[in-house]
Amino acid sequence: MPDWLDVVVRSLIFLIVLFLITKGLGKKQLSQLSFFEYVTGITIGGIGAEVSMGLERNIFNGILGIVIFAAIPFLAGLLSLKSKGFRDFIEGKATVFIKDGKVMEDNLKKEKYTTDELLELLRKKNVFQAADVEFAVLEPTGDLSVLLKKENQPVTAKDVNIKVAPIKEPQTVIMDGVILDEPLSTVGRSRRWLKTELEKQGVTIENVFLGQVDSYGQLTIDLFDDKLQVPPPQEKPLMLSTLKKCQADLELFALGTEVKEAKHMYSKNSEKLQEVIDKVTPILRG
């Protein structure tokens, strides 16, 4: 076998082996490496590259070395689940950088972080002033978790006592011009409904790059042609307008009748409908 072909075969074999091993170790190997897993990953890559290019080396010995280095973090992970002390030693502990609004300079020095690096990590969390932070901790993975002071936190619906309807994840019903029946049935819609909604917007399924239905049953689409503009969904604004019109009609009926019972009925129902409008307006405008 020519040397170049031998390198190709070895590289393909190691690519498959490394993929299977990484797949077996789990997603943590990709996103949250500990010191131990970081060193192991470098070593495994080095073994794979060395044996792939070193034609005089036995390929099976290289695979055996990779399996051994892959088995070590796997076993370490099992021990970490059972022993917190071992887990702290292998993965490390979180380090507090800001506590009660005060920067912990000693902890910064301990982790070999400068003030500039701390400010950089804060900017990545969209925090541009350290005085806005109540608590910040450096996780073992190297990521900084930040808790803003209460007065600097975004206002939520709960803070202003506004009740909002629960929101479910949107369902993708069209992808690359193809209808996806399973997500469509999940939201209780049919192909006929989908085609009707597309006709309202003047587009065909073949022109739709991505189509999604939200928890309110509204269809939003993105077309292959980026120059074409698609109007936003109008279901919620139309519903709000209809409710307001009904409430206004009830008030007119109450003013236009001389029958006491009817006037009372119209006025009472107008008030009830106004209460409903006040509750659903934040939802229908959102």
C-alpha atoms as a PDB file:
ATOM      1  CA  MET A   1       0.000   0.000   0.000  1.00  0.00           C
ATOM      2  CA  PRO A   2       1.427   3.453  -0.907  1.00  0.00           C
ATOM      3  CA  ASP A   3       2.365   5.700   2.005  1.00  0.00           C
ATOM      4  CA  TRP A   4      -0.220   8.350   1.074  1.00  0.00           C
ATOM      5  CA  LEU A   5      -3.008   5.768   0.988  1.00  0.00           C
ATOM      6  CA  ASP A   6      -1.846   4.355   4.332  1.00  0.00           C
ATOM      7  CA  VAL A   7      -2.087   7.840   5.861  1.00  0.00           C
ATOM      8  CA  VAL A   8      -5.611   8.275   4.448  1.00  0.00           C
ATOM      9  CA  VAL A   9      -6.786   4.936   5.860  1.00  0.00           C
ATOM     10  CA  ARG A  10      -5.207   5.583   9.278  1.00  0.00           C
ATOM     11  CA  SER A  11      -6.698   9.080   9.449  1.00  0.00           C
ATOM     12  CA  LEU A  12     -10.175   7.808   8.598  1.00  0.00           C
ATOM     13  CA  ILE A  13      -9.916   5.026  11.181  1.00  0.00           C
ATOM     14  CA  PHE A  14      -8.807   7.419  13.932  1.00  0.00           C
ATOM     15  CA  LEU A  15     -11.461   9.960  12.951  1.00  0.00           C
ATOM     16  CA  ILE A  16     -14.153   7.314  13.395  1.00  0.00           C
ATOM     17  CA  VAL A  17     -12.631   6.037  16.665  1.00  0.00           C
ATOM     18  CA  LEU A  18     -12.321   9.537  18.132  1.00  0.00           C
ATOM     19  CA  PHE A  19     -15.889  10.380  17.097  1.00  0.00           C
ATOM     20  CA  LEU A  20     -17.297   7.260  18.735  1.00  0.00           C
ATOM     21  CA  ILE A  21     -15.285   7.801  21.928  1.00  0.00           C
ATOM     22  CA  THR A  22     -16.294  11.477  22.186  1.00  0.00           C
ATOM     23  CA  LYS A  23     -19.903  10.530  21.511  1.00  0.00           C
ATOM     24  CA  GLY A  24     -19.763   7.993  24.316  1.00  0.00           C
ATOM     25  CA  LEU A  25     -18.206  10.422  26.813  1.00  0.00           C
ATOM     26  CA  GLY A  26     -21.098  12.838  26.309  1.00  0.00           C
ATOM     27  CA  LYS A  27     -21.692  16.505  25.505  1.00  0.00           C
ATOM     28  CA  LYS A  28     -19.771  17.680  28.558  1.00  0.00           C
ATOM     29  CA  GLN A  29     -16.549  16.919  26.700  1.00  0.00           C
ATOM     30  CA  LEU A  30     -17.553  19.585  24.166  1.00  0.00           C
ATOM     31  CA  SER A  31     -18.804  22.374  26.427  1.00  0.00           C
ATOM     32  CA  GLN A  32     -17.584  22.025  30.019  1.00  0.00           C
ATOM     33  CA  LEU A  33     -14.102  20.556  30.221  1.00  0.00           C
ATOM     34  CA  SER A  34     -12.427  20.160  33.576  1.00  0.00           C
ATOM     35  CA  PHE A  35      -8.631  20.443  33.872  1.00  0.00           C
ATOM     36  CA  PHE A  36      -8.371  16.676  33.763  1.00  0.00           C
ATOM     37  CA  GLU A  37     -10.591  16.325  30.679  1.00  0.00           C
ATOM     38  CA  TYR A  38      -8.732  19.152  28.944  1.00  0.00           C
ATOM     39  CA  VAL A  39      -5.367  17.404  29.381  1.00  0.00           C
ATOM     40  CA  THR A  40      -6.851  14.068  28.325  1.00  0.00           C
ATOM     41  CA  GLY A  41      -8.378  15.582  25.201  1.00  0.00           C
ATOM     42  CA  ILE A  42      -5.044  17.076  24.120  1.00  0.00           C
ATOM     43  CA  THR A  43      -3.271  13.758  24.711  1.00  0.00           C
ATOM     44  CA  ILE A  44      -5.847  11.765  22.738  1.00  0.00           C
ATOM     45  CA  GLY A  45      -5.540  14.183  19.826  1.00  0.00           C
ATOM     46  CA  GLY A  46      -1.759  13.942  19.968  1.00  0.00           C
ATOM     47  CA  ILE A  47      -1.849  10.139  19.889  1.00  0.00           C
ATOM     48  CA  GLY A  48      -4.241  10.146  16.938  1.00  0.00           C
ATOM     49  CA  ALA A  49      -2.107  12.577  14.943  1.00  0.00           C
ATOM     50  CA  GLU A  50       1.153  10.765  15.751  1.00  0.00           C
ATOM     51  CA  VAL A  51      -0.055   7.300  14.776  1.00  0.00           C
ATOM     52  CA  SER A  52      -1.855   8.583  11.670  1.00  0.00           C
ATOM     53  CA  MET A  53       1.345  10.123  10.276  1.00  0.00           C
ATOM     54  CA  GLY A  54       3.893   7.735  11.812  1.00  0.00           C
ATOM     55  CA  LEU A  55       3.662   4.869   9.345  1.00  0.00           C
ATOM     56  CA  GLU A  56       6.255   2.828  11.219  1.00  0.00           C
ATOM     57  CA  ARG A  57       4.017   2.751  14.309  1.00  0.00           C
ATOM     58  CA  ASN A  58       1.435   0.065  14.979  1.00  0.00           C
ATOM     59  CA  ILE A  59      -2.071   1.432  14.457  1.00  0.00           C
ATOM     60  CA  PHE A  60      -3.620  -0.930  17.014  1.00  0.00           C
ATOM     61  CA  ASN A  61      -1.264   0.299  19.745  1.00  0.00           C
ATOM     62  CA  GLY A  62      -2.444   3.822  18.985  1.00  0.00           C
ATOM     63  CA  ILE A  63      -6.096   2.800  19.267  1.00  0.00           C
ATOM     64  CA  LEU A  64      -5.321   1.037  22.565  1.00  0.00           C
ATOM     65  CA  GLY A  65      -3.673   4.198  23.919  1.00  0.00           C
ATOM     66  CA  ILE A  66      -6.686   6.321  22.939  1.00  0.00           C
ATOM     67  CA  VAL A  67      -9.099   3.872  24.573  1.00  0.00           C
ATOM     68  CA  ILE A  68      -7.068   3.954  27.804  1.00  0.00           C
ATOM     69  CA  PHE A  69      -6.970   7.750  27.901  1.00  0.00           C
ATOM     70  CA  ALA A  70     -10.693   7.885  27.137  1.00  0.00           C
ATOM     71  CA  ALA A  71     -11.500   5.367  29.870  1.00  0.00           C
ATOM     72  CA  ILE A  72      -9.734   7.426  32.538  1.00  0.00           C
ATOM     73  CA  PRO A  73     -12.061  10.501  32.374  1.00  0.00           C
ATOM     74  CA  PHE A  74     -15.041   8.155  32.089  1.00  0.00           C
ATOM     75  CA  LEU A  75     -14.098   6.416  35.343  1.00  0.00           C
ATOM     76  CA  ALA A  76     -13.225   9.759  36.918  1.00  0.00           C
ATOM     77  CA  GLY A  77     -16.715  10.967  36.025  1.00  0.00           C
ATOM     78  CA  LEU A  78     -18.282   7.999  37.777  1.00  0.00           C
ATOM     79  CA  LEU A  79     -16.205   8.628  40.903  1.00  0.00           C
ATOM     80  CA  SER A  80     -17.116  12.320  40.787  1.00  0.00           C
ATOM     81  CA  LEU A  81     -20.804  11.433  40.995  1.00  0.00           C
ATOM     82  CA  LYS A  82     -20.215   9.526  44.232  1.00  0.00           C
ATOM     83  CA  SER A  83     -17.591  11.676  45.961  1.00  0.00           C
ATOM     84  CA  LYS A  84     -17.807  15.470  46.299  1.00  0.00           C
ATOM     85  CA  GLY A  85     -14.214  15.671  47.526  1.00  0.00           C
ATOM     86  CA  PHE A  86     -12.973  13.847  44.443  1.00  0.00           C
ATOM     87  CA  ARG A  87     -15.213  15.994  42.238  1.00  0.00           C
ATOM     88  CA  ASP A  88     -13.840  19.205  43.747  1.00  0.00           C
ATOM     89  CA  PHE A  89     -10.279  17.971  43.211  1.00  0.00           C
ATOM     90  CA  ILE A  90     -10.838  16.948  39.580  1.00  0.00           C
ATOM     91  CA  GLU A  91     -13.221  19.640  38.389  1.00  0.00           C
ATOM     92  CA  GLY A  92     -12.284  22.433  40.781  1.00  0.00           C
ATOM     93  CA  LYS A  93     -14.464  24.760  42.841  1.00  0.00           C
ATOM     94  CA  ALA A  94     -16.248  27.958  41.960  1.00  0.00           C
ATOM     95  CA  THR A  95     -14.483  31.157  43.037  1.00  0.00           C
ATOM     96  CA  VAL A  96     -16.349  34.260  44.161  1.00  0.00           C
ATOM     97  CA  PHE A  97     -15.132  37.384  42.357  1.00  0.00           C
ATOM     98  CA  ILE A  98     -17.753  39.890  43.566  1.00  0.00           C
ATOM     99  CA  LYS A  99     -19.720  39.578  46.808  1.00  0.00           C
ATOM    100  CA  ASP A 100     -22.232  42.095  48.180  1.00  0.00           C
ATOM    101  CA  GLY A 101     -21.134  44.487  45.428  1.00  0.00           C
ATOM    102  CA  LYS A 102     -17.453  44.316  46.513  1.00  0.00           C
ATOM    103  CA  VAL A 103     -14.692  42.944  44.267  1.00  0.00           C
ATOM    104  CA  MET A 104     -12.730  40.171  46.012  1.00  0.00           C
ATOM    105  CA  GLU A 105      -9.185  41.128  45.038  1.00  0.00           C
ATOM    106  CA  ASP A 106      -7.564  38.156  46.801  1.00  0.00           C
ATOM    107  CA  ASN A 107      -9.705  35.711  44.829  1.00  0.00           C
ATOM    108  CA  LEU A 108      -8.775  37.461  41.600  1.00  0.00           C
ATOM    109  CA  LYS A 109      -5.083  37.004  42.406  1.00  0.00           C
ATOM    110  CA  LYS A 110      -5.682  33.394  43.423  1.00  0.00           C
ATOM    111  CA  GLU A 111      -7.170  32.591  40.006  1.00  0.00           C
ATOM    112  CA  LYS A 112      -4.552  34.803  38.261  1.00  0.00           C
ATOM    113  CA  TYR A 113      -7.171  37.178  36.827  1.00  0.00           C
ATOM    114  CA  THR A 114      -6.491  40.859  36.307  1.00  0.00           C
ATOM    115  CA  THR A 115      -9.043  43.630  36.748  1.00  0.00           C
ATOM    116  CA  ASP A 116      -9.169  44.079  32.979  1.00  0.00           C
ATOM    117  CA  GLU A 117      -9.991  40.385  32.526  1.00  0.00           C
ATOM    118  CA  LEU A 118     -12.759  40.633  35.127  1.00  0.00           C
ATOM    119  CA  LEU A 119     -14.259  43.626  33.322  1.00  0.00           C
ATOM    120  CA  GLU A 120     -14.027  41.720  30.039  1.00  0.00           C
ATOM    121  CA  LEU A 121     -15.976  38.799  31.515  1.00  0.00           C
ATOM    122  CA  LEU A 122     -18.591  41.224  32.840  1.00  0.00           C
ATOM    123  CA  ARG A 123     -18.950  42.869  29.417  1.00  0.00           C
ATOM    124  CA  LYS A 124     -19.626  39.448  27.921  1.00  0.00           C
ATOM    125  CA  LYS A 125     -22.614  39.330  30.282  1.00  0.00           C
ATOM    126  CA  ASN A 126     -23.714  42.803  29.071  1.00  0.00           C
ATOM    127  CA  VAL A 127     -22.562  44.377  32.338  1.00  0.00           C
ATOM    128  CA  PHE A 128     -20.399  47.466  31.827  1.00  0.00           C
ATOM    129  CA  GLN A 129     -20.150  48.701  35.413  1.00  0.00           C
ATOM    130  CA  ALA A 130     -18.907  46.534  38.266  1.00  0.00           C
ATOM    131  CA  ALA A 131     -20.954  48.597  40.724  1.00  0.00           C
ATOM    132  CA  ASP A 132     -24.138  47.152  39.172  1.00  0.00           C
ATOM    133  CA  VAL A 133     -23.203  43.614  40.291  1.00  0.00           C
ATOM    134  CA  GLU A 134     -24.354  42.115  43.577  1.00  0.00           C
ATOM    135  CA  PHE A 135     -22.646  38.735  43.193  1.00  0.00           C
ATOM    136  CA  ALA A 136     -20.349  37.176  40.592  1.00  0.00           C
ATOM    137  CA  VAL A 137     -18.706  33.762  40.673  1.00  0.00           C
ATOM    138  CA  LEU A 138     -16.168  32.144  38.369  1.00  0.00           C
ATOM    139  CA  GLU A 139     -17.408  28.631  37.594  1.00  0.00           C
ATOM    140  CA  PRO A 140     -15.012  25.657  37.339  1.00  0.00           C
ATOM    141  CA  THR A 141     -15.577  25.746  33.558  1.00  0.00           C
ATOM    142  CA  GLY A 142     -14.140  29.298  33.358  1.00  0.00           C
ATOM    143  CA  ASP A 143     -17.513  30.978  32.798  1.00  0.00           C
ATOM    144  CA  LEU A 144     -18.573  33.926  34.958  1.00  0.00           C
ATOM    145  CA  SER A 145     -22.070  33.838  36.506  1.00  0.00           C
ATOM    146  CA  VAL A 146     -23.415  37.271  37.402  1.00  0.00           C
ATOM    147  CA  LEU A 147     -26.273  38.404  39.657  1.00  0.00           C
ATOM    148  CA  LEU A 148     -27.175  42.059  39.239  1.00  0.00           C
ATOM    149  CA  LYS A 149     -28.324  44.224  42.097  1.00  0.00           C
ATOM    150  CA  LYS A 150     -32.085  44.255  42.515  1.00  0.00           C
ATOM    151  CA  GLU A 151     -32.482  47.789  41.190  1.00  0.00           C
ATOM    152  CA  ASN A 152     -30.496  46.918  38.058  1.00  0.00           C
ATOM    153  CA  GLN A 153     -32.406  43.764  37.173  1.00  0.00           C
ATOM    154  CA  PRO A 154     -34.916  43.896  34.296  1.00  0.00           C
ATOM    155  CA  VAL A 155     -38.530  44.410  35.353  1.00  0.00           C
ATOM    156  CA  THR A 156     -40.667  41.292  34.906  1.00  0.00           C
ATOM    157  CA  ALA A 157     -44.409  40.851  34.632  1.00  0.00           C
ATOM    158  CA  LYS A 158     -44.390  39.425  38.157  1.00  0.00           C
ATOM    159  CA  ASP A 159     -42.791  42.597  39.527  1.00  0.00           C
ATOM    160  CA  VAL A 160     -45.702  44.729  38.267  1.00  0.00           C
ATOM    161  CA  ASN A 161     -48.367  42.105  39.098  1.00  0.00           C
ATOM    162  CA  ILE A 162     -49.284  41.434  35.469  1.00  0.00           C
ATOM    163  CA  LYS A 163     -50.549  37.973  34.658  1.00  0.00           C
ATOM    164  CA  VAL A 164     -49.289  36.585  31.373  1.00  0.00           C
ATOM    165  CA  ALA A 165     -50.348  33.475  29.530  1.00  0.00           C
ATOM    166  CA  PRO A 166     -47.923  30.542  29.453  1.00  0.00           C
ATOM    167  CA  ILE A 167     -45.878  30.375  26.277  1.00  0.00           C
ATOM    168  CA  LYS A 168     -45.081  27.095  24.561  1.00  0.00           C
ATOM    169  CA  GLU A 169     -42.191  26.552  22.223  1.00  0.00           C
ATOM    170  CA  PRO A 170     -42.892  27.439  18.565  1.00  0.00           C
ATOM    171  CA  GLN A 171     -43.303  24.565  16.145  1.00  0.00           C
ATOM    172  CA  THR A 172     -41.470  24.566  12.815  1.00  0.00           C
ATOM    173  CA  VAL A 173     -44.074  23.539  10.242  1.00  0.00           C
ATOM    174  CA  ILE A 174     -42.198  24.435   7.037  1.00  0.00           C
ATOM    175  CA  MET A 175     -38.517  23.899   6.393  1.00  0.00           C
ATOM    176  CA  ASP A 176     -36.797  24.438   3.046  1.00  0.00           C
ATOM    177  CA  GLY A 177     -40.156  24.576   1.278  1.00  0.00           C
ATOM    178  CA  VAL A 178     -41.354  21.262   2.727  1.00  0.00           C
ATOM    179  CA  ILE A 179     -44.314  20.872   5.114  1.00  0.00           C
ATOM    180  CA  LEU A 180     -43.533  19.040   8.379  1.00  0.00           C
ATOM    181  CA  ASP A 181     -46.704  17.189   9.345  1.00  0.00           C
ATOM    182  CA  GLU A 182     -45.732  16.113  12.869  1.00  0.00           C
ATOM    183  CA  PRO A 183     -45.131  19.643  14.255  1.00  0.00           C
ATOM    184  CA  LEU A 184     -48.234  20.809  12.380  1.00  0.00           C
ATOM    185  CA  SER A 185     -50.389  18.242  14.140  1.00  0.00           C
ATOM    186  CA  THR A 186     -48.758  19.128  17.481  1.00  0.00           C
ATOM    187  CA  VAL A 187     -50.252  22.626  17.289  1.00  0.00           C
ATOM    188  CA  GLY A 188     -53.596  21.220  16.141  1.00  0.00           C
ATOM    189  CA  ARG A 189     -53.405  22.577  12.602  1.00  0.00           C
ATOM    190  CA  SER A 190     -53.920  20.983   9.198  1.00  0.00           C
ATOM    191  CA  ARG A 191     -52.323  21.395   5.797  1.00  0.00           C
ATOM    192  CA  ARG A 192     -55.454  23.151   4.586  1.00  0.00           C
ATOM    193  CA  TRP A 193     -55.124  25.741   7.360  1.00  0.00           C
ATOM    194  CA  LEU A 194     -51.451  26.219   6.528  1.00  0.00           C
ATOM    195  CA  LYS A 195     -52.132  26.768   2.826  1.00  0.00           C
ATOM    196  CA  THR A 196     -54.925  29.220   3.682  1.00  0.00           C
ATOM    197  CA  GLU A 197     -52.562  31.245   5.892  1.00  0.00           C
ATOM    198  CA  LEU A 198     -49.938  31.311   3.149  1.00  0.00           C
ATOM    199  CA  GLU A 199     -52.544  32.472   0.627  1.00  0.00           C
ATOM    200  CA  LYS A 200     -53.430  35.363   2.958  1.00  0.00           C
ATOM    201  CA  GLN A 201     -49.801  36.481   2.772  1.00  0.00           C
ATOM    202  CA  GLY A 202     -49.582  35.878  -0.965  1.00  0.00           C
ATOM    203  CA  VAL A 203     -46.854  33.228  -0.942  1.00  0.00           C
ATOM    204  CA  THR A 204     -46.572  29.573  -1.891  1.00  0.00           C
ATOM    205  CA  ILE A 205     -45.022  26.776   0.155  1.00  0.00           C
ATOM    206  CA  GLU A 206     -42.166  26.404  -2.326  1.00  0.00           C
ATOM    207  CA  ASN A 207     -41.056  29.980  -1.604  1.00  0.00           C
ATOM    208  CA  VAL A 208     -40.940  29.517   2.180  1.00  0.00           C
ATOM    209  CA  PHE A 209     -37.529  28.861   3.711  1.00  0.00           C
ATOM    210  CA  LEU A 210     -38.804  28.621   7.295  1.00  0.00           C
ATOM    211  CA  GLY A 211     -42.317  28.666   8.754  1.00  0.00           C
ATOM    212  CA  GLN A 212     -43.185  28.521  12.464  1.00  0.00           C
ATOM    213  CA  VAL A 213     -46.415  28.564  14.475  1.00  0.00           C
ATOM    214  CA  ASP A 214     -46.279  30.166  17.929  1.00  0.00           C
ATOM    215  CA  SER A 215     -48.320  29.297  21.026  1.00  0.00           C
ATOM    216  CA  TYR A 216     -51.053  31.713  19.895  1.00  0.00           C
ATOM    217  CA  GLY A 217     -51.506  29.890  16.583  1.00  0.00           C
ATOM    218  CA  GLN A 218     -49.872  32.621  14.503  1.00  0.00           C
ATOM    219  CA  LEU A 219     -47.805  31.683  11.466  1.00  0.00           C
ATOM    220  CA  THR A 220     -44.537  33.506  10.844  1.00  0.00           C
ATOM    221  CA  ILE A 221     -42.531  32.813   7.702  1.00  0.00           C
ATOM    222  CA  ASP A 222     -39.147  33.590   6.195  1.00  0.00           C
ATOM    223  CA  LEU A 223     -38.807  33.433   2.412  1.00  0.00           C
ATOM    224  CA  PHE A 224     -35.929  32.261   0.245  1.00  0.00           C
ATOM    225  CA  ASP A 225     -35.977  35.666  -1.454  1.00  0.00           C
ATOM    226  CA  ASP A 226     -34.697  38.107   1.201  1.00  0.00           C
ATOM    227  CA  LYS A 227     -35.840  41.083  -0.882  1.00  0.00           C
ATOM    228  CA  LEU A 228     -39.517  40.220  -0.411  1.00  0.00           C
ATOM    229  CA  GLN A 229     -41.193  41.654   2.673  1.00  0.00           C
ATOM    230  CA  VAL A 230     -43.801  39.573   4.507  1.00  0.00           C
ATOM    231  CA  PRO A 231     -46.360  41.407   6.680  1.00  0.00           C
ATOM    232  CA  PRO A 232     -46.330  40.417  10.379  1.00  0.00           C
ATOM    233  CA  PRO A 233     -49.169  38.252  11.756  1.00  0.00           C
ATOM    234  CA  GLN A 234     -52.360  40.191  12.492  1.00  0.00           C
ATOM    235  CA  GLU A 235     -54.390  37.674  14.502  1.00  0.00           C
ATOM    236  CA  LYS A 236     -53.689  39.164  17.939  1.00  0.00           C
ATOM    237  CA  PRO A 237     -54.155  42.839  16.949  1.00  0.00           C
ATOM    238  CA  LEU A 238     -57.388  41.940  15.155  1.00  0.00           C
ATOM    239  CA  MET A 239     -58.649  40.071  18.205  1.00  0.00           C
ATOM    240  CA  LEU A 240     -57.911  43.056  20.446  1.00  0.00           C
ATOM    241  CA  SER A 241     -59.640  45.411  18.035  1.00  0.00           C
ATOM    242  CA  THR A 242     -62.695  43.150  17.915  1.00  0.00           C
ATOM    243  CA  LEU A 243     -62.929  43.040  21.714  1.00  0.00           C
ATOM    244  CA  LYS A 244     -62.704  46.825  21.942  1.00  0.00           C
ATOM    245  CA  LYS A 245     -65.390  47.226  19.275  1.00  0.00           C
ATOM    246  CA  CYS A 246     -67.718  44.853  21.145  1.00  0.00           C
ATOM    247  CA  GLN A 247     -67.180  46.777  24.371  1.00  0.00           C
ATOM    248  CA  ALA A 248     -67.886  50.083  22.618  1.00  0.00           C
ATOM    249  CA  ASP A 249     -71.043  48.632  21.057  1.00  0.00           C
ATOM    250  CA  LEU A 250     -72.318  47.554  24.479  1.00  0.00           C
ATOM    251  CA  GLU A 251     -71.796  51.080  25.806  1.00  0.00           C
ATOM    252  CA  LEU A 252     -73.740  52.497  22.835  1.00  0.00           C
ATOM    253  CA  PHE A 253     -76.567  50.020  23.386  1.00  0.00           C
ATOM    254  CA  ALA A 254     -76.734  51.068  27.053  1.00  0.00           C
ATOM    255  CA  LEU A 255     -76.968  54.741  26.083  1.00  0.00           C
ATOM    256  CA  GLY A 256     -79.472  54.113  23.299  1.00  0.00           C
ATOM    257  CA  THR A 257     -82.121  52.204  25.238  1.00  0.00           C
ATOM    258  CA  GLU A 258     -84.711  53.535  27.678  1.00  0.00           C
ATOM    259  CA  VAL A 259     -85.498  50.120  29.160  1.00  0.00           C
ATOM    260  CA  LYS A 260     -83.957  50.018  32.603  1.00  0.00           C
ATOM    261  CA  GLU A 261     -83.314  46.229  32.586  1.00  0.00           C
ATOM    262  CA  ALA A 262     -81.635  46.355  29.177  1.00  0.00           C
ATOM    263  CA  LYS A 263     -79.555  49.415  30.116  1.00  0.00           C
ATOM    264  CA  HIS A 264     -78.353  47.632  33.249  1.00  0.00           C
ATOM    265  CA  MET A 265     -77.526  44.454  31.320  1.00  0.00           C
ATOM    266  CA  TYR A 266     -75.565  46.322  28.617  1.00  0.00           C
ATOM    267  CA  SER A 267     -73.645  48.397  31.174  1.00  0.00           C
ATOM    268  CA  LYS A 268     -72.791  45.392  33.327  1.00  0.00           C
ATOM    269  CA  ASN A 269     -71.550  43.329  30.377  1.00  0.00           C
ATOM    270  CA  SER A 270     -69.599  46.318  29.076  1.00  0.00           C
ATOM    271  CA  GLU A 271     -67.766  46.556  32.386  1.00  0.00           C
ATOM    272  CA  LYS A 272     -67.033  42.824  32.381  1.00  0.00           C
ATOM    273  CA  LEU A 273     -65.681  42.967  28.855  1.00  0.00           C
ATOM    274  CA  GLN A 274     -63.513  45.955  29.771  1.00  0.00           C
ATOM    275  CA  GLU A 275     -61.985  43.911  32.598  1.00  0.00           C
ATOM    276  CA  VAL A 276     -61.194  41.164  30.115  1.00  0.00           C
ATOM    277  CA  ILE A 277     -59.630  43.681  27.715  1.00  0.00           C
ATOM    278  CA  ASP A 278     -57.439  45.096  30.489  1.00  0.00           C
ATOM    279  CA  LYS A 279     -56.150  41.591  31.292  1.00  0.00           C
ATOM    280  CA  VAL A 280     -55.459  40.422  27.738  1.00  0.00           C
ATOM    281  CA  THR A 281     -54.093  43.683  26.297  1.00  0.00           C
ATOM    282  CA  PRO A 282     -50.464  42.991  27.411  1.00  0.00           C
ATOM    283  CA  ILE A 283     -50.705  39.549  25.828  1.00  0.00           C
ATOM    284  CA  LEU A 284     -52.303  40.606  22.553  1.00  0.00           C
ATOM    285  CA  ARG A 285     -49.887  43.495  22.147  1.00  0.00           C
ATOM    286  CA  GLY A 286     -46.818  41.403  23.020  1.00  0.00           C
END
